N, C-alpha and C. Protein backbone atom coordinates (compact mmCIF):
# COMPACT_ATOMS: atom_id res chain seq x y z
N MET A 1 4.34 33.37 -33.29
CA MET A 1 5.91 32.84 -33.08
C MET A 1 5.90 32.99 -31.47
N GLU A 2 5.48 33.76 -30.80
CA GLU A 2 5.43 33.84 -29.30
C GLU A 2 4.82 32.59 -28.83
N THR A 3 3.78 32.36 -29.47
CA THR A 3 2.96 31.13 -28.68
C THR A 3 3.69 29.99 -28.80
N ASP A 4 4.28 29.60 -30.13
CA ASP A 4 5.15 28.56 -30.11
C ASP A 4 6.21 28.71 -29.34
N LEU A 5 7.03 29.52 -29.02
CA LEU A 5 8.09 29.55 -28.06
C LEU A 5 7.39 29.44 -26.78
N ALA A 6 6.54 30.21 -26.22
CA ALA A 6 5.89 30.02 -25.10
C ALA A 6 5.48 28.34 -24.64
N THR A 7 4.78 27.75 -25.66
CA THR A 7 4.54 26.37 -25.73
C THR A 7 5.60 25.65 -25.36
N SER A 8 6.57 25.85 -26.16
CA SER A 8 7.87 25.09 -26.07
C SER A 8 8.59 25.06 -24.75
N LEU A 9 8.37 26.27 -24.14
CA LEU A 9 9.30 26.62 -23.00
C LEU A 9 8.22 25.81 -21.87
N VAL A 10 6.90 25.95 -21.98
CA VAL A 10 6.05 25.25 -21.05
C VAL A 10 6.26 23.65 -20.94
N MET A 11 6.30 23.06 -22.13
CA MET A 11 6.56 21.55 -22.51
C MET A 11 7.96 21.13 -21.84
N ALA A 12 8.98 21.90 -22.09
CA ALA A 12 10.21 21.70 -21.65
C ALA A 12 10.41 21.66 -20.20
N ARG A 13 9.54 22.46 -19.59
CA ARG A 13 9.52 22.64 -18.12
C ARG A 13 8.98 21.56 -17.65
N SER A 14 7.62 21.20 -18.14
CA SER A 14 6.80 19.93 -17.61
C SER A 14 7.63 18.74 -17.72
N THR A 15 8.40 18.53 -18.93
CA THR A 15 9.24 17.31 -18.96
C THR A 15 10.39 17.31 -18.00
N ALA A 16 10.93 18.56 -17.78
CA ALA A 16 12.03 18.41 -16.55
C ALA A 16 11.42 18.13 -15.21
N THR A 17 10.09 18.46 -15.04
CA THR A 17 9.39 18.28 -13.79
C THR A 17 9.09 16.78 -13.60
N ARG A 18 8.60 16.41 -14.46
CA ARG A 18 8.10 14.93 -14.70
C ARG A 18 9.44 14.05 -14.50
N PHE A 19 10.54 14.45 -15.12
CA PHE A 19 11.81 13.50 -15.05
C PHE A 19 12.31 13.57 -13.54
N SER A 20 12.34 14.68 -13.09
CA SER A 20 12.69 14.93 -11.49
C SER A 20 11.66 14.16 -10.77
N ALA A 21 10.56 14.09 -11.12
CA ALA A 21 9.54 13.38 -10.20
C ALA A 21 10.01 11.79 -10.31
N GLN A 22 10.10 11.02 -11.49
CA GLN A 22 10.64 9.91 -11.75
C GLN A 22 11.94 9.58 -11.05
N VAL A 23 13.06 10.48 -11.11
CA VAL A 23 14.06 10.17 -10.48
C VAL A 23 14.05 10.03 -8.99
N ALA A 24 13.16 10.78 -8.42
CA ALA A 24 12.78 10.84 -7.05
C ALA A 24 12.09 9.41 -6.83
N ILE A 25 11.23 9.06 -7.26
CA ILE A 25 10.36 7.98 -7.07
C ILE A 25 11.39 6.69 -7.12
N VAL A 26 12.26 6.65 -7.94
CA VAL A 26 13.20 5.49 -8.28
C VAL A 26 14.27 5.63 -7.18
N LYS A 27 14.59 6.63 -6.71
CA LYS A 27 15.66 6.87 -5.66
C LYS A 27 14.95 6.03 -4.36
N ALA A 28 13.74 6.72 -4.12
CA ALA A 28 13.19 6.37 -3.05
C ALA A 28 12.76 4.65 -2.77
N ASN A 29 12.43 4.00 -4.06
CA ASN A 29 12.23 2.69 -4.11
C ASN A 29 13.45 2.02 -3.91
N ARG A 30 14.86 2.39 -4.41
CA ARG A 30 16.22 1.83 -4.06
C ARG A 30 16.45 1.89 -2.78
N GLU A 31 16.11 2.98 -1.92
CA GLU A 31 16.27 3.04 -0.55
C GLU A 31 15.38 2.26 0.24
N MET A 32 14.37 1.79 -0.18
CA MET A 32 13.47 0.80 0.60
C MET A 32 13.81 -0.58 0.35
N GLU A 33 14.44 -1.03 -0.66
CA GLU A 33 14.70 -2.31 -0.91
C GLU A 33 15.49 -3.03 0.16
N PRO A 34 16.71 -2.40 0.61
CA PRO A 34 17.60 -3.09 1.59
C PRO A 34 16.48 -3.07 3.01
N ALA A 35 15.96 -2.09 3.00
CA ALA A 35 15.09 -2.26 4.32
C ALA A 35 14.28 -3.25 4.44
N GLN A 36 13.49 -3.51 3.38
CA GLN A 36 12.24 -4.47 3.30
C GLN A 36 13.20 -5.74 3.25
N MET A 37 14.39 -6.05 2.53
CA MET A 37 15.03 -7.43 2.74
C MET A 37 15.49 -7.53 4.06
N ALA A 38 15.69 -6.72 5.02
CA ALA A 38 16.16 -6.96 6.00
C ALA A 38 14.99 -7.31 7.06
N ASP A 39 14.02 -6.63 6.73
CA ASP A 39 12.83 -6.80 7.47
C ASP A 39 12.14 -8.33 7.31
N GLN A 40 12.28 -8.68 5.86
CA GLN A 40 11.85 -10.06 5.79
C GLN A 40 12.83 -11.10 6.26
N ALA A 41 14.03 -10.90 6.17
CA ALA A 41 15.00 -11.77 6.80
C ALA A 41 14.81 -11.89 8.14
N ALA A 42 14.45 -11.07 8.89
CA ALA A 42 14.11 -10.92 10.46
C ALA A 42 13.02 -11.43 10.48
N ARG A 43 12.19 -11.32 9.90
CA ARG A 43 10.88 -12.17 10.33
C ARG A 43 10.68 -13.42 9.70
N ALA A 44 11.58 -13.90 9.15
CA ALA A 44 11.46 -15.27 8.37
C ALA A 44 11.73 -16.33 9.43
N ALA A 45 11.18 -17.57 9.18
CA ALA A 45 11.31 -18.69 10.36
C ALA A 45 12.55 -19.23 10.02
N PRO A 46 13.22 -19.74 10.98
CA PRO A 46 14.59 -20.38 10.86
C PRO A 46 14.80 -21.70 9.96
N PRO A 47 15.80 -21.80 9.32
CA PRO A 47 15.95 -23.00 8.51
C PRO A 47 15.71 -24.19 9.17
N PRO A 48 15.31 -25.21 8.71
CA PRO A 48 14.96 -26.63 9.30
C PRO A 48 16.11 -26.95 10.23
N GLY A 49 16.00 -27.42 11.53
CA GLY A 49 17.04 -27.79 12.44
C GLY A 49 17.72 -26.96 13.16
N GLN A 50 17.41 -25.63 12.78
CA GLN A 50 18.23 -24.46 13.50
C GLN A 50 17.18 -24.03 14.53
N GLY A 51 17.70 -23.83 15.68
CA GLY A 51 16.81 -23.32 16.94
C GLY A 51 16.13 -24.30 17.31
N ALA A 52 16.35 -25.81 16.98
CA ALA A 52 15.69 -26.95 17.84
C ALA A 52 16.15 -27.15 19.40
N LYS A 53 17.37 -26.89 19.39
CA LYS A 53 17.61 -26.91 20.74
C LYS A 53 18.60 -25.91 21.08
N VAL A 54 18.92 -25.62 22.32
CA VAL A 54 19.83 -24.56 22.79
C VAL A 54 21.21 -25.30 23.29
N ASP A 55 22.22 -24.44 22.40
CA ASP A 55 23.47 -24.96 22.64
C ASP A 55 24.14 -24.10 23.93
N LYS A 56 24.36 -24.69 24.97
CA LYS A 56 24.63 -24.08 26.31
C LYS A 56 26.08 -24.06 26.42
N LEU A 57 26.83 -24.43 25.46
CA LEU A 57 28.19 -24.32 25.37
C LEU A 57 28.70 -23.10 24.68
N ALA A 58 27.84 -22.55 23.82
CA ALA A 58 28.12 -21.31 23.11
C ALA A 58 28.49 -20.17 23.79
């Protein structure tokens, strides 16, 4: 009976650790998405016609 209890406790702890790691990975990925989108927008070429000439009245 002790072996079953010990095995159950180890499995429960392992599951909790795995879940915590998965949550941390998802959280890190969500934090990176806005930064990646901003980086892509900053590096993207301007739309056609924009930036073709300088508006000195602006």
